[in-house]
Amino acid sequence: QVQLVESGGGLVQAGGSLRLSCAASGRALRNYAMGWFRQAPGKEREFVAAITWNGGSTYYAESVKGRFTISRDNAKNTLYLQMNSLKPEDTAVYYCAADIDDIATINVRGRYYDYWGQGTQVTVSS
């Protein structure tokens, strides 16, 4: 089992940047494919980005492609999401999630992920 804790959220103006981190404890991060999801008020949770266990493959939602970058440092047991050119519509609670079953596969559906963090709030002002 792995425990996930997100950090790095906050309030930023449109056009700004934030870097989210997801620290893993318990089982080593290298045993999981990882994803970032977000949920805005009144909306369903949506996929943001995913990365395979060794960082060999990544995938992004169309809405963030070219602006966000997912990466991982397995030696530090940490997942990252670099967010640039932020827009007000990026405002949401951001969650990291771990997939133990298909670590070499990109999954965009939350139901395939086994463990979730508590989330970190990102607010982008216009």
Foldseek 3Di string as FASTA:
>chain_A
DKAKAKDFADEEAAQAKIKMKIAIDDDFQLLWKKFKWWDDPPGDIFGAKTAASVRPDIDGDPVQPPFWDWDDDRVRRMIMIIGGRDDQVVWTWMKMFTANPCRRDDDGDPVRTDDIYPTDTHGYHD
